[in-house]
Every structure is written in structure tokens, then in C-alpha cells.
Amino acid sequence: MSKAIINIVQIDEGGTNPKTNLFEQPLWELHFDDEDKRILGKSKMEEYISKGYGNTVFQFKRWTANTKSGSQVRLWAVVFTDNSHELLVPKKFYEMITLGHQRKDEEKYKKLEEELIKKQAPQNPALFIGGLTEEEKKEAEELRKKLDPEEAFRIGLHLHDDEKIEDKEAVWLDFIN
């Protein structure tokens, strides 16, 4: 489960992205409820926001609005590639980033599960689940007898090794004579 974000500080002067070790400007420092901090670059921020909304982010920006009473309110503007947009208070923005992070984790684990299932499944069910019926075995044997070993090999039907050797010897003897 993802930790709750309590604040995001935009580092306008930029710095070295800890994941890529490249200079980026700006960077964002996420502050979590357990006092942990994490620095993200633009691509990760856009990825998490996109996954949170299920829509590709074109651009996002922090805005500061001045009220008539003289106080300031921080807002986040998110523009998507389909030209729709959202104007968010910080709490909602943090929730969408957290949701995006959760969805990314779910996708990652789903992909891992699918790969594990593929690894555990037998490659050819006929070889591992009960084999061939007597009729299928008879048909396969007849086909093996009719086919040229090299042709069978070319189309993916592998004959017994002794059949290949015998036929290769016959071809070699024809070649010599």
C-alpha cells in the first residue's frame, strides 16, 4: 500500500534526478506521512498523474493564486493530451499521484503473475496432460513413415534420431556412388 503524501515541494532550480543521475529542472520532493521524502523527475510525476486519471498528461503546473484578503492558495493544473484539464487543490493532487502509483504497482504485479503462470504451464499439453489417444498415436506413426525425415524436420515434425541417421547414411551412400 502506498504511503500518504502530505506535501510536494517543487524544486525550481532543479538538481540531479536520483534514478537517472541526470540533471533535471524542476524536480519535485514528495513528503510522506511517515516523514519519508522522495524526489521525482517530470517523467515519473507525469506517469503517476496519468495512471491516476487513466488519461495521458500533456502538462502539469503548480499555480499560486492570490485571494482578495491577501493570502495565497496553491493549486495544481493538469492538462491532458485530449485537451481536457483539471484544476486541483493540493490534497486531491496528492491523492491522484498516490492512486497512480498504486495502479502502476497493480499493473506490475499483474504482469509478473501472468509471466509466472506462463512459466508453470506446460509447453505442449499433449506431452504433459495424458498424451495422445491411440488413434492419434497411430496417425502420427503413419505420418512419420510417409514423410521424408529432412522435410519433417523442416516443418517441425521431429522423427526419431535413428530414423534420421539411417536416412542420412542412405543419402551419403547415394552421394558417394
N, C-alpha and C. Protein backbone atom coordinates (compact mmCIF):
# COMPACT_ATOMS: atom_id res chain seq x y z
N MET A 1 0.84 -1.18 0.00
CA MET A 1 0.00 0.00 0.00
C MET A 1 0.88 1.24 0.00
N SER A 2 0.49 2.21 -0.74
CA SER A 2 1.27 3.45 -0.86
C SER A 2 1.09 4.32 0.38
N LYS A 3 2.14 5.04 0.67
CA LYS A 3 2.09 5.97 1.79
C LYS A 3 1.36 7.24 1.36
N ALA A 4 0.76 7.91 2.32
CA ALA A 4 0.03 9.15 2.02
C ALA A 4 1.01 10.30 1.84
N ILE A 5 0.79 11.09 0.78
CA ILE A 5 1.61 12.28 0.53
C ILE A 5 0.99 13.43 1.31
N ILE A 6 1.83 14.14 2.07
CA ILE A 6 1.31 15.28 2.83
C ILE A 6 1.74 16.63 2.25
N ASN A 7 2.77 16.61 1.39
CA ASN A 7 3.22 17.85 0.78
C ASN A 7 4.12 17.52 -0.42
N ILE A 8 4.08 18.42 -1.40
CA ILE A 8 5.00 18.33 -2.53
C ILE A 8 5.67 19.67 -2.68
N VAL A 9 7.00 19.65 -2.65
CA VAL A 9 7.77 20.88 -2.82
C VAL A 9 8.40 20.84 -4.20
N GLN A 10 8.11 21.86 -4.98
CA GLN A 10 8.71 21.95 -6.31
C GLN A 10 10.06 22.62 -6.17
N ILE A 11 11.11 21.96 -6.66
CA ILE A 11 12.47 22.49 -6.60
C ILE A 11 12.74 23.13 -7.96
N ASP A 12 12.49 24.44 -8.06
CA ASP A 12 12.60 25.14 -9.34
C ASP A 12 14.00 25.16 -9.92
N GLU A 13 15.03 25.22 -9.05
CA GLU A 13 16.40 25.26 -9.55
C GLU A 13 16.87 23.90 -10.05
N GLY A 14 16.07 22.86 -9.78
CA GLY A 14 16.39 21.53 -10.29
C GLY A 14 17.48 20.85 -9.49
N GLY A 15 18.01 19.81 -10.07
CA GLY A 15 19.06 19.04 -9.41
C GLY A 15 19.24 17.72 -10.14
N THR A 16 19.96 16.82 -9.51
CA THR A 16 20.21 15.50 -10.11
C THR A 16 19.08 14.56 -9.73
N ASN A 17 18.47 13.99 -10.76
CA ASN A 17 17.42 13.01 -10.54
C ASN A 17 18.08 11.75 -9.97
N PRO A 18 17.64 11.28 -8.80
CA PRO A 18 18.31 10.13 -8.17
C PRO A 18 18.19 8.83 -8.97
N LYS A 19 17.17 8.68 -9.80
CA LYS A 19 17.01 7.44 -10.58
C LYS A 19 17.86 7.46 -11.85
N THR A 20 17.91 8.60 -12.54
CA THR A 20 18.62 8.67 -13.82
C THR A 20 20.03 9.24 -13.70
N ASN A 21 20.31 9.89 -12.57
CA ASN A 21 21.58 10.59 -12.34
C ASN A 21 21.83 11.69 -13.38
N LEU A 22 20.76 12.23 -13.92
CA LEU A 22 20.84 13.33 -14.88
C LEU A 22 20.26 14.59 -14.24
N PHE A 23 20.74 15.73 -14.71
CA PHE A 23 20.21 16.99 -14.21
C PHE A 23 18.82 17.21 -14.79
N GLU A 24 17.88 17.57 -13.94
CA GLU A 24 16.53 17.90 -14.37
C GLU A 24 16.08 19.18 -13.67
N GLN A 25 15.29 19.93 -14.39
CA GLN A 25 14.76 21.17 -13.81
C GLN A 25 13.33 21.35 -14.27
N PRO A 26 12.39 21.42 -13.40
CA PRO A 26 12.44 21.28 -11.95
C PRO A 26 12.35 19.83 -11.51
N LEU A 27 12.51 19.63 -10.21
CA LEU A 27 12.27 18.35 -9.56
C LEU A 27 11.18 18.56 -8.51
N TRP A 28 10.60 17.47 -8.05
CA TRP A 28 9.57 17.57 -7.02
C TRP A 28 9.95 16.66 -5.87
N GLU A 29 9.91 17.22 -4.67
CA GLU A 29 10.21 16.47 -3.46
C GLU A 29 8.89 16.14 -2.77
N LEU A 30 8.58 14.85 -2.71
CA LEU A 30 7.35 14.39 -2.09
C LEU A 30 7.62 14.10 -0.62
N HIS A 31 6.78 14.63 0.26
CA HIS A 31 6.87 14.40 1.70
C HIS A 31 5.72 13.49 2.10
N PHE A 32 6.05 12.39 2.81
CA PHE A 32 5.05 11.41 3.19
C PHE A 32 4.71 11.52 4.66
N ASP A 33 3.59 10.88 5.03
CA ASP A 33 3.11 10.97 6.40
C ASP A 33 4.05 10.33 7.42
N ASP A 34 4.96 9.46 6.99
CA ASP A 34 5.92 8.84 7.90
C ASP A 34 7.25 9.60 7.92
N GLU A 35 7.23 10.85 7.45
CA GLU A 35 8.38 11.75 7.39
C GLU A 35 9.43 11.33 6.37
N ASP A 36 9.10 10.39 5.51
CA ASP A 36 9.98 9.98 4.43
C ASP A 36 9.87 11.00 3.31
N LYS A 37 10.94 11.13 2.51
CA LYS A 37 10.95 12.04 1.37
C LYS A 37 11.41 11.28 0.14
N ARG A 38 10.91 11.72 -1.01
CA ARG A 38 11.33 11.11 -2.27
C ARG A 38 11.34 12.18 -3.34
N ILE A 39 12.38 12.18 -4.18
CA ILE A 39 12.49 13.17 -5.25
C ILE A 39 12.11 12.50 -6.57
N LEU A 40 11.23 13.15 -7.32
CA LEU A 40 10.79 12.63 -8.61
C LEU A 40 11.06 13.65 -9.70
N GLY A 41 11.36 13.14 -10.88
CA GLY A 41 11.51 13.98 -12.06
C GLY A 41 10.17 14.13 -12.77
N LYS A 42 10.19 14.91 -13.84
CA LYS A 42 8.96 15.21 -14.57
C LYS A 42 8.30 13.95 -15.13
N SER A 43 9.09 13.04 -15.69
CA SER A 43 8.50 11.86 -16.32
C SER A 43 7.75 10.98 -15.32
N LYS A 44 8.31 10.79 -14.12
CA LYS A 44 7.63 9.98 -13.10
C LYS A 44 6.38 10.68 -12.60
N MET A 45 6.45 11.98 -12.41
CA MET A 45 5.26 12.73 -11.98
C MET A 45 4.16 12.58 -13.02
N GLU A 46 4.51 12.77 -14.29
CA GLU A 46 3.51 12.65 -15.35
C GLU A 46 2.96 11.22 -15.43
N GLU A 47 3.82 10.24 -15.22
CA GLU A 47 3.37 8.84 -15.26
C GLU A 47 2.35 8.57 -14.16
N TYR A 48 2.66 8.99 -12.94
CA TYR A 48 1.75 8.74 -11.82
C TYR A 48 0.43 9.50 -11.98
N ILE A 49 0.50 10.74 -12.44
CA ILE A 49 -0.74 11.50 -12.65
C ILE A 49 -1.56 10.85 -13.76
N SER A 50 -0.92 10.45 -14.84
CA SER A 50 -1.61 9.81 -15.96
C SER A 50 -2.30 8.52 -15.50
N LYS A 51 -1.59 7.70 -14.75
CA LYS A 51 -2.18 6.45 -14.28
C LYS A 51 -3.29 6.72 -13.27
N GLY A 52 -3.16 7.77 -12.48
CA GLY A 52 -4.20 8.14 -11.53
C GLY A 52 -5.50 8.51 -12.23
N TYR A 53 -5.39 9.22 -13.32
CA TYR A 53 -6.58 9.66 -14.07
C TYR A 53 -6.98 8.68 -15.16
N GLY A 54 -6.07 7.83 -15.59
CA GLY A 54 -6.37 6.96 -16.73
C GLY A 54 -6.41 7.75 -18.02
N ASN A 55 -5.65 8.83 -18.06
CA ASN A 55 -5.60 9.72 -19.22
C ASN A 55 -4.18 10.28 -19.30
N THR A 56 -3.63 10.41 -20.48
CA THR A 56 -2.25 10.83 -20.64
C THR A 56 -2.08 12.32 -20.38
N VAL A 57 -1.15 12.64 -19.51
CA VAL A 57 -0.87 14.04 -19.15
C VAL A 57 -0.02 14.69 -20.23
N PHE A 58 -0.45 15.88 -20.65
CA PHE A 58 0.34 16.69 -21.57
C PHE A 58 1.26 17.59 -20.76
N GLN A 59 0.70 18.20 -19.71
CA GLN A 59 1.47 19.13 -18.89
C GLN A 59 0.79 19.28 -17.54
N PHE A 60 1.59 19.55 -16.53
CA PHE A 60 1.02 19.90 -15.21
C PHE A 60 1.86 21.04 -14.64
N LYS A 61 1.22 21.83 -13.80
CA LYS A 61 1.92 23.00 -13.29
C LYS A 61 1.35 23.40 -11.94
N ARG A 62 2.22 23.89 -11.08
CA ARG A 62 1.81 24.41 -9.78
C ARG A 62 1.47 25.88 -9.96
N TRP A 63 0.31 26.28 -9.47
CA TRP A 63 -0.10 27.68 -9.53
C TRP A 63 -0.27 28.20 -8.11
N THR A 64 0.01 29.48 -7.96
CA THR A 64 -0.28 30.15 -6.69
C THR A 64 -1.27 31.26 -6.99
N ALA A 65 -2.42 31.18 -6.34
CA ALA A 65 -3.47 32.19 -6.55
C ALA A 65 -3.52 33.10 -5.34
N ASN A 66 -3.61 34.40 -5.61
CA ASN A 66 -3.73 35.37 -4.52
C ASN A 66 -5.20 35.71 -4.31
N THR A 67 -5.62 35.65 -3.07
CA THR A 67 -7.02 35.97 -2.76
C THR A 67 -7.15 37.46 -2.46
N LYS A 68 -8.38 37.95 -2.42
CA LYS A 68 -8.62 39.36 -2.12
C LYS A 68 -8.17 39.74 -0.72
N SER A 69 -8.16 38.78 0.18
CA SER A 69 -7.74 39.06 1.56
C SER A 69 -6.22 39.09 1.69
N GLY A 70 -5.52 38.76 0.60
CA GLY A 70 -4.06 38.84 0.63
C GLY A 70 -3.37 37.52 0.88
N SER A 71 -4.12 36.48 1.12
CA SER A 71 -3.48 35.17 1.33
C SER A 71 -3.26 34.48 -0.02
N GLN A 72 -2.48 33.43 0.02
CA GLN A 72 -2.17 32.70 -1.20
C GLN A 72 -2.71 31.27 -1.10
N VAL A 73 -3.18 30.76 -2.23
CA VAL A 73 -3.69 29.40 -2.30
C VAL A 73 -2.90 28.68 -3.41
N ARG A 74 -2.39 27.50 -3.07
CA ARG A 74 -1.66 26.73 -4.07
C ARG A 74 -2.64 25.80 -4.78
N LEU A 75 -2.55 25.76 -6.10
CA LEU A 75 -3.38 24.89 -6.94
C LEU A 75 -2.47 24.15 -7.91
N TRP A 76 -2.97 23.05 -8.41
CA TRP A 76 -2.24 22.30 -9.42
C TRP A 76 -3.13 22.21 -10.66
N ALA A 77 -2.58 22.59 -11.80
CA ALA A 77 -3.30 22.50 -13.07
C ALA A 77 -2.73 21.32 -13.85
N VAL A 78 -3.62 20.47 -14.34
CA VAL A 78 -3.21 19.30 -15.13
C VAL A 78 -3.94 19.37 -16.46
N VAL A 79 -3.19 19.36 -17.56
CA VAL A 79 -3.75 19.37 -18.91
C VAL A 79 -3.41 18.03 -19.54
N PHE A 80 -4.42 17.40 -20.14
CA PHE A 80 -4.25 16.09 -20.76
C PHE A 80 -4.09 16.23 -22.27
N THR A 81 -3.62 15.18 -22.91
CA THR A 81 -3.37 15.23 -24.36
C THR A 81 -4.65 15.41 -25.16
N ASP A 82 -5.80 15.07 -24.59
CA ASP A 82 -7.07 15.28 -25.29
C ASP A 82 -7.63 16.68 -25.04
N ASN A 83 -6.79 17.57 -24.48
CA ASN A 83 -7.11 18.96 -24.17
C ASN A 83 -8.11 19.14 -23.04
N SER A 84 -8.49 18.08 -22.35
CA SER A 84 -9.28 18.25 -21.13
C SER A 84 -8.30 18.69 -20.03
N HIS A 85 -8.83 19.19 -18.93
CA HIS A 85 -7.94 19.69 -17.88
C HIS A 85 -8.61 19.57 -16.52
N GLU A 86 -7.80 19.65 -15.50
CA GLU A 86 -8.25 19.63 -14.11
C GLU A 86 -7.49 20.71 -13.35
N LEU A 87 -8.19 21.39 -12.46
CA LEU A 87 -7.57 22.34 -11.54
C LEU A 87 -7.82 21.79 -10.15
N LEU A 88 -6.75 21.46 -9.44
CA LEU A 88 -6.87 20.69 -8.21
C LEU A 88 -6.30 21.41 -7.00
N VAL A 89 -6.95 21.19 -5.87
CA VAL A 89 -6.35 21.61 -4.60
C VAL A 89 -5.27 20.59 -4.28
N PRO A 90 -4.29 20.96 -3.45
CA PRO A 90 -3.17 20.05 -3.21
C PRO A 90 -3.58 18.65 -2.75
N LYS A 91 -4.53 18.54 -1.83
CA LYS A 91 -4.91 17.22 -1.31
C LYS A 91 -5.39 16.30 -2.44
N LYS A 92 -6.20 16.80 -3.34
CA LYS A 92 -6.71 15.99 -4.45
C LYS A 92 -5.55 15.62 -5.41
N PHE A 93 -4.64 16.54 -5.64
CA PHE A 93 -3.47 16.28 -6.49
C PHE A 93 -2.63 15.15 -5.89
N TYR A 94 -2.39 15.21 -4.58
CA TYR A 94 -1.61 14.18 -3.90
C TYR A 94 -2.32 12.82 -4.00
N GLU A 95 -3.64 12.83 -3.85
CA GLU A 95 -4.41 11.59 -3.94
C GLU A 95 -4.29 10.96 -5.33
N MET A 96 -4.29 11.79 -6.36
CA MET A 96 -4.20 11.26 -7.73
C MET A 96 -2.81 10.67 -8.00
N ILE A 97 -1.77 11.29 -7.46
CA ILE A 97 -0.42 10.73 -7.61
C ILE A 97 -0.33 9.39 -6.87
N THR A 98 -0.89 9.34 -5.66
CA THR A 98 -0.89 8.10 -4.89
C THR A 98 -1.66 7.01 -5.62
N LEU A 99 -2.82 7.36 -6.17
CA LEU A 99 -3.63 6.40 -6.94
C LEU A 99 -2.86 5.90 -8.16
N GLY A 100 -2.17 6.81 -8.84
CA GLY A 100 -1.36 6.42 -10.00
C GLY A 100 -0.26 5.45 -9.62
N HIS A 101 0.36 5.68 -8.48
CA HIS A 101 1.42 4.80 -8.00
C HIS A 101 0.85 3.43 -7.68
N GLN A 102 -0.32 3.38 -7.06
CA GLN A 102 -0.96 2.11 -6.74
C GLN A 102 -1.31 1.34 -8.01
N ARG A 103 -1.85 2.05 -9.00
CA ARG A 103 -2.21 1.39 -10.26
C ARG A 103 -0.99 0.86 -10.98
N LYS A 104 0.12 1.60 -10.91
CA LYS A 104 1.35 1.13 -11.54
C LYS A 104 1.82 -0.16 -10.87
N ASP A 105 1.75 -0.20 -9.55
CA ASP A 105 2.12 -1.42 -8.82
C ASP A 105 1.22 -2.58 -9.19
N GLU A 106 -0.10 -2.33 -9.30
CA GLU A 106 -1.04 -3.38 -9.67
C GLU A 106 -0.71 -3.94 -11.05
N GLU A 107 -0.40 -3.06 -12.00
CA GLU A 107 -0.04 -3.49 -13.35
C GLU A 107 1.24 -4.33 -13.33
N LYS A 108 2.21 -3.88 -12.53
CA LYS A 108 3.49 -4.59 -12.45
C LYS A 108 3.26 -5.99 -11.88
N TYR A 109 2.47 -6.10 -10.80
CA TYR A 109 2.24 -7.40 -10.19
C TYR A 109 1.38 -8.29 -11.07
N LYS A 110 0.43 -7.70 -11.80
CA LYS A 110 -0.39 -8.48 -12.71
C LYS A 110 0.48 -9.07 -13.82
N LYS A 111 1.41 -8.27 -14.35
CA LYS A 111 2.31 -8.74 -15.39
C LYS A 111 3.20 -9.87 -14.85
N LEU A 112 3.71 -9.72 -13.63
CA LEU A 112 4.54 -10.76 -13.03
C LEU A 112 3.75 -12.05 -12.84
N GLU A 113 2.49 -11.93 -12.39
CA GLU A 113 1.66 -13.11 -12.21
C GLU A 113 1.43 -13.83 -13.53
N GLU A 114 1.16 -13.06 -14.60
CA GLU A 114 0.94 -13.66 -15.91
C GLU A 114 2.19 -14.40 -16.39
N GLU A 115 3.36 -13.80 -16.15
CA GLU A 115 4.61 -14.45 -16.55
C GLU A 115 4.84 -15.74 -15.76
N LEU A 116 4.52 -15.72 -14.47
CA LEU A 116 4.67 -16.93 -13.66
C LEU A 116 3.73 -18.03 -14.12
N ILE A 117 2.51 -17.66 -14.46
CA ILE A 117 1.54 -18.64 -14.95
C ILE A 117 2.05 -19.26 -16.25
N LYS A 118 2.61 -18.44 -17.14
CA LYS A 118 3.14 -18.96 -18.40
C LYS A 118 4.30 -19.92 -18.15
N LYS A 119 5.15 -19.59 -17.17
CA LYS A 119 6.28 -20.46 -16.85
C LYS A 119 5.81 -21.80 -16.32
N GLN A 120 4.76 -21.79 -15.50
CA GLN A 120 4.29 -23.01 -14.87
C GLN A 120 3.46 -23.87 -15.81
N ALA A 121 2.87 -23.30 -16.83
CA ALA A 121 2.04 -24.06 -17.77
C ALA A 121 2.92 -24.93 -18.66
N PRO A 122 2.48 -26.15 -18.93
CA PRO A 122 3.27 -27.00 -19.83
C PRO A 122 3.29 -26.41 -21.23
N GLN A 123 4.41 -26.59 -21.93
CA GLN A 123 4.57 -26.06 -23.27
C GLN A 123 3.63 -26.73 -24.26
N ASN A 124 3.53 -28.06 -24.17
CA ASN A 124 2.69 -28.80 -25.08
C ASN A 124 1.79 -29.71 -24.25
N PRO A 125 0.51 -29.38 -24.12
CA PRO A 125 -0.37 -30.18 -23.28
C PRO A 125 -0.41 -31.65 -23.67
N ALA A 126 -0.23 -31.97 -24.93
CA ALA A 126 -0.26 -33.38 -25.36
C ALA A 126 0.87 -34.17 -24.72
N LEU A 127 1.98 -33.51 -24.44
CA LEU A 127 3.11 -34.19 -23.82
C LEU A 127 2.95 -34.37 -22.32
N PHE A 128 2.19 -33.46 -21.69
CA PHE A 128 2.14 -33.45 -20.24
C PHE A 128 0.79 -33.81 -19.65
N ILE A 129 -0.27 -33.72 -20.42
CA ILE A 129 -1.60 -33.99 -19.89
C ILE A 129 -2.17 -35.19 -20.64
N GLY A 130 -1.90 -36.37 -20.15
CA GLY A 130 -2.50 -37.58 -20.71
C GLY A 130 -1.95 -38.05 -22.04
N GLY A 131 -1.18 -37.29 -22.74
CA GLY A 131 -0.60 -37.71 -24.00
C GLY A 131 -1.63 -37.84 -25.11
N LEU A 132 -1.26 -38.60 -26.14
CA LEU A 132 -2.11 -38.79 -27.31
C LEU A 132 -3.03 -39.99 -27.12
N THR A 133 -4.16 -39.95 -27.79
CA THR A 133 -5.04 -41.12 -27.81
C THR A 133 -4.41 -42.17 -28.72
N GLU A 134 -4.90 -43.39 -28.66
CA GLU A 134 -4.37 -44.46 -29.51
C GLU A 134 -4.52 -44.11 -30.98
N GLU A 135 -5.65 -43.52 -31.34
CA GLU A 135 -5.89 -43.14 -32.73
C GLU A 135 -4.89 -42.08 -33.19
N GLU A 136 -4.62 -41.08 -32.30
CA GLU A 136 -3.66 -40.03 -32.64
C GLU A 136 -2.24 -40.60 -32.76
N LYS A 137 -1.91 -41.55 -31.88
CA LYS A 137 -0.59 -42.17 -31.95
C LYS A 137 -0.42 -42.93 -33.27
N LYS A 138 -1.47 -43.66 -33.67
CA LYS A 138 -1.41 -44.43 -34.92
C LYS A 138 -1.26 -43.48 -36.11
N GLU A 139 -2.02 -42.39 -36.10
CA GLU A 139 -1.97 -41.40 -37.19
C GLU A 139 -0.58 -40.76 -37.27
N ALA A 140 0.01 -40.43 -36.11
CA ALA A 140 1.34 -39.83 -36.08
C ALA A 140 2.38 -40.80 -36.61
N GLU A 141 2.26 -42.07 -36.24
CA GLU A 141 3.22 -43.09 -36.70
C GLU A 141 3.15 -43.26 -38.21
N GLU A 142 1.93 -43.29 -38.75
CA GLU A 142 1.77 -43.41 -40.20
C GLU A 142 2.38 -42.21 -40.92
N LEU A 143 2.16 -41.03 -40.36
CA LEU A 143 2.71 -39.80 -40.95
C LEU A 143 4.23 -39.84 -40.92
N ARG A 144 4.82 -40.33 -39.83
CA ARG A 144 6.28 -40.43 -39.74
C ARG A 144 6.85 -41.33 -40.83
N LYS A 145 6.15 -42.42 -41.10
CA LYS A 145 6.62 -43.37 -42.12
C LYS A 145 6.55 -42.78 -43.52
N LYS A 146 5.56 -41.94 -43.78
CA LYS A 146 5.35 -41.38 -45.11
C LYS A 146 6.28 -40.21 -45.42
N LEU A 147 6.67 -39.46 -44.39
CA LEU A 147 7.44 -38.23 -44.62
C LEU A 147 8.93 -38.48 -44.76
N ASP A 148 9.54 -37.66 -45.59
CA ASP A 148 10.98 -37.60 -45.70
C ASP A 148 11.50 -36.97 -44.40
N PRO A 149 12.50 -37.55 -43.75
CA PRO A 149 12.98 -37.01 -42.47
C PRO A 149 13.39 -35.54 -42.52
N GLU A 150 14.08 -35.14 -43.58
CA GLU A 150 14.50 -33.74 -43.68
C GLU A 150 13.31 -32.81 -43.83
N GLU A 151 12.32 -33.22 -44.61
CA GLU A 151 11.10 -32.42 -44.80
C GLU A 151 10.34 -32.33 -43.48
N ALA A 152 10.25 -33.46 -42.77
CA ALA A 152 9.56 -33.48 -41.48
C ALA A 152 10.25 -32.53 -40.50
N PHE A 153 11.56 -32.57 -40.49
CA PHE A 153 12.32 -31.69 -39.60
C PHE A 153 12.09 -30.23 -39.95
N ARG A 154 12.05 -29.93 -41.26
CA ARG A 154 11.87 -28.56 -41.72
C ARG A 154 10.51 -28.00 -41.28
N ILE A 155 9.48 -28.84 -41.28
CA ILE A 155 8.16 -28.33 -40.88
C ILE A 155 7.89 -28.52 -39.40
N GLY A 156 8.88 -29.00 -38.65
CA GLY A 156 8.76 -29.06 -37.20
C GLY A 156 8.33 -30.40 -36.65
N LEU A 157 8.21 -31.41 -37.48
CA LEU A 157 7.90 -32.75 -37.00
C LEU A 157 9.22 -33.49 -36.84
N HIS A 158 9.58 -33.77 -35.63
CA HIS A 158 10.88 -34.39 -35.37
C HIS A 158 10.71 -35.90 -35.30
N LEU A 159 11.37 -36.60 -36.21
CA LEU A 159 11.34 -38.04 -36.21
C LEU A 159 12.36 -38.55 -35.19
N HIS A 160 12.30 -39.83 -34.95
CA HIS A 160 13.26 -40.41 -34.02
C HIS A 160 14.67 -40.27 -34.59
N ASP A 161 15.66 -40.15 -33.71
CA ASP A 161 17.05 -39.96 -34.15
C ASP A 161 17.54 -41.10 -35.03
N ASP A 162 17.14 -42.35 -34.72
CA ASP A 162 17.63 -43.47 -35.53
C ASP A 162 17.09 -43.39 -36.96
N GLU A 163 15.88 -42.86 -37.14
CA GLU A 163 15.33 -42.70 -38.49
C GLU A 163 16.15 -41.68 -39.27
N LYS A 164 16.54 -40.60 -38.63
CA LYS A 164 17.32 -39.57 -39.30
C LYS A 164 18.68 -40.12 -39.72
N ILE A 165 19.31 -40.87 -38.82
CA ILE A 165 20.64 -41.40 -39.09
C ILE A 165 20.61 -42.36 -40.27
N GLU A 166 19.62 -43.27 -40.27
CA GLU A 166 19.53 -44.24 -41.36
C GLU A 166 19.37 -43.52 -42.70
N ASP A 167 18.50 -42.52 -42.76
CA ASP A 167 18.26 -41.81 -44.00
C ASP A 167 19.48 -40.99 -44.41
N LYS A 168 20.21 -40.43 -43.46
CA LYS A 168 21.41 -39.67 -43.80
C LYS A 168 22.47 -40.59 -44.40
N GLU A 169 22.56 -41.81 -43.82
CA GLU A 169 23.51 -42.77 -44.37
C GLU A 169 23.15 -43.12 -45.81
N ALA A 170 21.86 -43.28 -46.06
CA ALA A 170 21.40 -43.60 -47.43
C ALA A 170 21.75 -42.46 -48.37
N VAL A 171 21.55 -41.24 -47.95
CA VAL A 171 21.87 -40.07 -48.78
C VAL A 171 23.37 -40.02 -49.01
N TRP A 172 24.18 -40.30 -48.01
CA TRP A 172 25.63 -40.27 -48.13
C TRP A 172 26.10 -41.35 -49.10
N LEU A 173 25.51 -42.54 -49.00
CA LEU A 173 25.89 -43.62 -49.91
C LEU A 173 25.52 -43.27 -51.35
N ASP A 174 24.37 -42.65 -51.55
CA ASP A 174 24.00 -42.20 -52.90
C ASP A 174 24.97 -41.16 -53.41
N PHE A 175 25.42 -40.31 -52.54
CA PHE A 175 26.34 -39.24 -52.92
C PHE A 175 27.69 -39.83 -53.34
N ILE A 176 28.16 -40.82 -52.59
CA ILE A 176 29.46 -41.43 -52.88
C ILE A 176 29.40 -42.19 -54.21
N ASN A 177 28.34 -42.93 -54.41
CA ASN A 177 28.21 -43.75 -55.62
C ASN A 177 27.87 -42.87 -56.75
